[in-house]
Amino acid sequence: MSETQMEKRPFSLSQPITYQIKVPGHLDANALDWVEQMTLVVKFDEEGFPFTLITGLLDQAALQGILRQLYALGLPLISVNCVT
């Protein structure tokens, strides 16, 4: 793949992209110091259960770090989406 083709690709390991991560429950940004560059929004599903949307501009390394932190907290992932 040529260098110009690589530049036109929408994704790369080092290029920041906006991701939205959905986890169950109500997360408090004050208790999570590693989410300072992220936006947390708590919503409720159709059955009334809370879930948290974590949104931010991340490269692949930062995304992996956040996913590891969520795993360490015992939080299952509902979804991880690229929202560019």
N, C-alpha and C. Protein backbone atom coordinates (compact mmCIF):
# COMPACT_ATOMS: atom_id res chain seq x y z
N MET A 1 0.85 -1.18 0.00
CA MET A 1 0.00 0.00 0.00
C MET A 1 0.89 1.23 0.00
N SER A 2 0.60 2.19 -0.88
CA SER A 2 1.42 3.39 -0.97
C SER A 2 1.15 4.32 0.20
N GLU A 3 2.04 5.27 0.39
CA GLU A 3 1.91 6.23 1.49
C GLU A 3 0.66 7.09 1.32
N THR A 4 0.32 7.49 0.10
CA THR A 4 -0.89 8.29 -0.11
C THR A 4 -2.15 7.48 0.16
N GLN A 5 -2.14 6.19 -0.14
CA GLN A 5 -3.28 5.34 0.19
C GLN A 5 -3.43 5.23 1.70
N MET A 6 -2.31 5.12 2.43
CA MET A 6 -2.36 5.04 3.89
C MET A 6 -2.95 6.32 4.48
N GLU A 7 -2.61 7.49 3.90
CA GLU A 7 -3.12 8.76 4.41
C GLU A 7 -4.62 8.88 4.23
N LYS A 8 -5.18 8.26 3.21
CA LYS A 8 -6.61 8.35 2.93
C LYS A 8 -7.44 7.37 3.74
N ARG A 9 -6.79 6.38 4.36
CA ARG A 9 -7.53 5.41 5.17
C ARG A 9 -8.15 6.12 6.36
N PRO A 10 -9.39 5.82 6.71
CA PRO A 10 -10.05 6.53 7.80
C PRO A 10 -9.53 6.13 9.18
N PHE A 11 -8.88 4.99 9.31
CA PHE A 11 -8.44 4.52 10.61
C PHE A 11 -6.95 4.19 10.59
N SER A 12 -6.31 4.44 11.72
CA SER A 12 -4.93 4.00 11.92
C SER A 12 -4.74 3.81 13.41
N LEU A 13 -3.64 3.19 13.80
CA LEU A 13 -3.39 2.94 15.22
C LEU A 13 -3.14 4.21 16.00
N SER A 14 -2.56 5.21 15.36
CA SER A 14 -2.19 6.42 16.10
C SER A 14 -3.13 7.61 15.88
N GLN A 15 -4.02 7.51 14.93
CA GLN A 15 -4.93 8.63 14.64
C GLN A 15 -6.10 8.62 15.62
N PRO A 16 -6.30 9.71 16.36
CA PRO A 16 -7.44 9.77 17.28
C PRO A 16 -8.77 9.77 16.53
N ILE A 17 -9.71 9.03 17.07
CA ILE A 17 -11.06 8.91 16.51
C ILE A 17 -12.03 8.98 17.69
N THR A 18 -13.20 9.52 17.48
CA THR A 18 -14.19 9.58 18.55
C THR A 18 -14.86 8.22 18.72
N TYR A 19 -14.79 7.72 19.96
CA TYR A 19 -15.42 6.44 20.30
C TYR A 19 -16.48 6.68 21.36
N GLN A 20 -17.49 5.81 21.33
CA GLN A 20 -18.52 5.81 22.36
C GLN A 20 -18.60 4.40 22.93
N ILE A 21 -18.40 4.32 24.24
CA ILE A 21 -18.41 3.04 24.95
C ILE A 21 -19.64 3.03 25.84
N LYS A 22 -20.40 1.95 25.79
CA LYS A 22 -21.62 1.84 26.59
C LYS A 22 -21.44 0.73 27.61
N VAL A 23 -21.64 1.06 28.88
CA VAL A 23 -21.53 0.08 29.97
C VAL A 23 -22.78 0.18 30.84
N PRO A 24 -23.13 -0.91 31.51
CA PRO A 24 -24.31 -0.86 32.37
C PRO A 24 -24.04 -0.08 33.65
N GLY A 25 -25.09 0.48 34.20
CA GLY A 25 -24.98 1.16 35.49
C GLY A 25 -24.70 2.64 35.36
N HIS A 26 -24.54 3.25 36.52
CA HIS A 26 -24.32 4.69 36.62
C HIS A 26 -22.88 4.92 37.07
N LEU A 27 -22.04 5.42 36.15
CA LEU A 27 -20.65 5.74 36.49
C LEU A 27 -20.55 7.21 36.86
N ASP A 28 -19.77 7.51 37.87
CA ASP A 28 -19.56 8.88 38.32
C ASP A 28 -18.18 9.34 37.89
N ALA A 29 -18.10 10.39 37.10
CA ALA A 29 -16.82 10.89 36.60
C ALA A 29 -15.90 11.31 37.73
N ASN A 30 -16.44 11.77 38.85
CA ASN A 30 -15.61 12.19 39.98
C ASN A 30 -14.84 11.02 40.58
N ALA A 31 -15.38 9.83 40.48
CA ALA A 31 -14.72 8.65 41.05
C ALA A 31 -13.73 8.02 40.06
N LEU A 32 -13.78 8.43 38.81
CA LEU A 32 -12.94 7.84 37.78
C LEU A 32 -11.99 8.90 37.23
N ASP A 33 -10.81 9.01 37.82
CA ASP A 33 -9.87 10.05 37.41
C ASP A 33 -9.31 9.85 36.01
N TRP A 34 -9.38 8.63 35.47
CA TRP A 34 -8.84 8.35 34.15
C TRP A 34 -9.78 8.75 33.02
N VAL A 35 -10.95 9.27 33.32
CA VAL A 35 -11.89 9.67 32.27
C VAL A 35 -11.96 11.18 32.11
N GLU A 36 -10.94 11.89 32.56
CA GLU A 36 -11.00 13.35 32.52
C GLU A 36 -11.17 13.91 31.11
N GLN A 37 -10.64 13.24 30.11
CA GLN A 37 -10.78 13.71 28.74
C GLN A 37 -12.03 13.14 28.06
N MET A 38 -12.84 12.40 28.80
CA MET A 38 -14.02 11.76 28.25
C MET A 38 -15.28 12.44 28.77
N THR A 39 -16.37 12.26 28.03
CA THR A 39 -17.68 12.74 28.47
C THR A 39 -18.50 11.54 28.93
N LEU A 40 -19.07 11.63 30.12
CA LEU A 40 -19.92 10.57 30.64
C LEU A 40 -21.36 11.07 30.70
N VAL A 41 -22.27 10.27 30.14
CA VAL A 41 -23.70 10.60 30.16
C VAL A 41 -24.44 9.35 30.62
N VAL A 42 -25.27 9.50 31.65
CA VAL A 42 -26.07 8.38 32.14
C VAL A 42 -27.46 8.48 31.53
N LYS A 43 -27.92 7.37 30.97
CA LYS A 43 -29.26 7.28 30.39
C LYS A 43 -29.94 6.04 30.93
N PHE A 44 -31.19 5.85 30.55
CA PHE A 44 -31.96 4.70 30.99
C PHE A 44 -32.52 3.97 29.78
N ASP A 45 -32.47 2.64 29.83
CA ASP A 45 -33.03 1.87 28.72
C ASP A 45 -34.54 1.80 28.85
N GLU A 46 -35.18 1.10 27.91
CA GLU A 46 -36.64 1.02 27.89
C GLU A 46 -37.25 0.33 29.10
N GLU A 47 -36.43 -0.44 29.82
CA GLU A 47 -36.90 -1.12 31.04
C GLU A 47 -36.58 -0.33 32.30
N GLY A 48 -35.95 0.83 32.13
CA GLY A 48 -35.65 1.69 33.27
C GLY A 48 -34.29 1.45 33.91
N PHE A 49 -33.46 0.59 33.33
CA PHE A 49 -32.14 0.32 33.88
C PHE A 49 -31.14 1.36 33.37
N PRO A 50 -30.26 1.86 34.26
CA PRO A 50 -29.30 2.87 33.83
C PRO A 50 -28.13 2.26 33.05
N PHE A 51 -27.60 3.06 32.14
CA PHE A 51 -26.36 2.72 31.47
C PHE A 51 -25.59 4.02 31.27
N THR A 52 -24.28 3.90 31.12
CA THR A 52 -23.42 5.07 30.95
C THR A 52 -22.79 5.04 29.57
N LEU A 53 -22.84 6.17 28.88
CA LEU A 53 -22.15 6.36 27.60
C LEU A 53 -20.88 7.16 27.89
N ILE A 54 -19.75 6.60 27.51
CA ILE A 54 -18.45 7.25 27.68
C ILE A 54 -17.98 7.61 26.28
N THR A 55 -17.80 8.91 26.01
CA THR A 55 -17.46 9.36 24.66
C THR A 55 -16.20 10.22 24.71
N GLY A 56 -15.32 10.01 23.74
CA GLY A 56 -14.13 10.83 23.67
C GLY A 56 -13.28 10.53 22.46
N LEU A 57 -12.35 11.42 22.19
CA LEU A 57 -11.42 11.31 21.08
C LEU A 57 -10.20 10.52 21.56
N LEU A 58 -10.01 9.32 20.99
CA LEU A 58 -8.97 8.41 21.46
C LEU A 58 -8.21 7.80 20.30
N ASP A 59 -6.93 7.53 20.52
CA ASP A 59 -6.21 6.68 19.58
C ASP A 59 -6.38 5.24 20.07
N GLN A 60 -5.87 4.29 19.33
CA GLN A 60 -6.08 2.88 19.67
C GLN A 60 -5.46 2.51 21.03
N ALA A 61 -4.30 3.08 21.36
CA ALA A 61 -3.66 2.77 22.64
C ALA A 61 -4.52 3.27 23.81
N ALA A 62 -5.05 4.48 23.69
CA ALA A 62 -5.90 5.03 24.74
C ALA A 62 -7.20 4.24 24.86
N LEU A 63 -7.77 3.83 23.74
CA LEU A 63 -8.98 3.00 23.77
C LEU A 63 -8.72 1.69 24.51
N GLN A 64 -7.60 1.05 24.21
CA GLN A 64 -7.25 -0.20 24.90
C GLN A 64 -7.10 0.04 26.41
N GLY A 65 -6.49 1.16 26.77
CA GLY A 65 -6.31 1.48 28.19
C GLY A 65 -7.64 1.65 28.91
N ILE A 66 -8.57 2.34 28.29
CA ILE A 66 -9.88 2.53 28.91
C ILE A 66 -10.64 1.22 29.00
N LEU A 67 -10.56 0.40 27.96
CA LEU A 67 -11.24 -0.90 28.01
C LEU A 67 -10.66 -1.77 29.13
N ARG A 68 -9.34 -1.69 29.34
CA ARG A 68 -8.72 -2.44 30.45
C ARG A 68 -9.19 -1.92 31.80
N GLN A 69 -9.32 -0.60 31.93
CA GLN A 69 -9.80 -0.02 33.18
C GLN A 69 -11.23 -0.48 33.48
N LEU A 70 -12.07 -0.48 32.47
CA LEU A 70 -13.45 -0.94 32.66
C LEU A 70 -13.49 -2.40 33.05
N TYR A 71 -12.62 -3.21 32.44
CA TYR A 71 -12.54 -4.62 32.78
C TYR A 71 -12.09 -4.80 34.23
N ALA A 72 -11.11 -4.01 34.64
CA ALA A 72 -10.61 -4.08 36.03
C ALA A 72 -11.69 -3.70 37.03
N LEU A 73 -12.61 -2.84 36.62
CA LEU A 73 -13.73 -2.47 37.49
C LEU A 73 -14.85 -3.51 37.47
N GLY A 74 -14.71 -4.52 36.62
CA GLY A 74 -15.74 -5.55 36.52
C GLY A 74 -16.95 -5.12 35.73
N LEU A 75 -16.78 -4.14 34.85
CA LEU A 75 -17.90 -3.65 34.05
C LEU A 75 -17.94 -4.33 32.69
N PRO A 76 -19.01 -5.01 32.38
CA PRO A 76 -19.13 -5.60 31.04
C PRO A 76 -19.42 -4.51 30.02
N LEU A 77 -18.96 -4.74 28.81
CA LEU A 77 -19.23 -3.80 27.73
C LEU A 77 -20.56 -4.13 27.08
N ILE A 78 -21.38 -3.14 26.86
CA ILE A 78 -22.59 -3.31 26.07
C ILE A 78 -22.25 -3.07 24.61
N SER A 79 -21.46 -2.00 24.35
CA SER A 79 -21.03 -1.73 22.99
C SER A 79 -19.83 -0.78 22.99
N VAL A 80 -19.09 -0.83 21.89
CA VAL A 80 -18.01 0.11 21.60
C VAL A 80 -18.19 0.51 20.14
N ASN A 81 -18.41 1.80 19.90
CA ASN A 81 -18.68 2.27 18.55
C ASN A 81 -17.79 3.45 18.18
N CYS A 82 -17.39 3.47 16.92
CA CYS A 82 -16.70 4.61 16.34
C CYS A 82 -17.78 5.58 15.88
N VAL A 83 -17.71 6.82 16.32
CA VAL A 83 -18.76 7.80 15.98
C VAL A 83 -18.17 9.00 15.25
N THR A 84 -17.26 8.73 14.31
CA THR A 84 -16.61 9.81 13.57
C THR A 84 -17.59 10.53 12.70
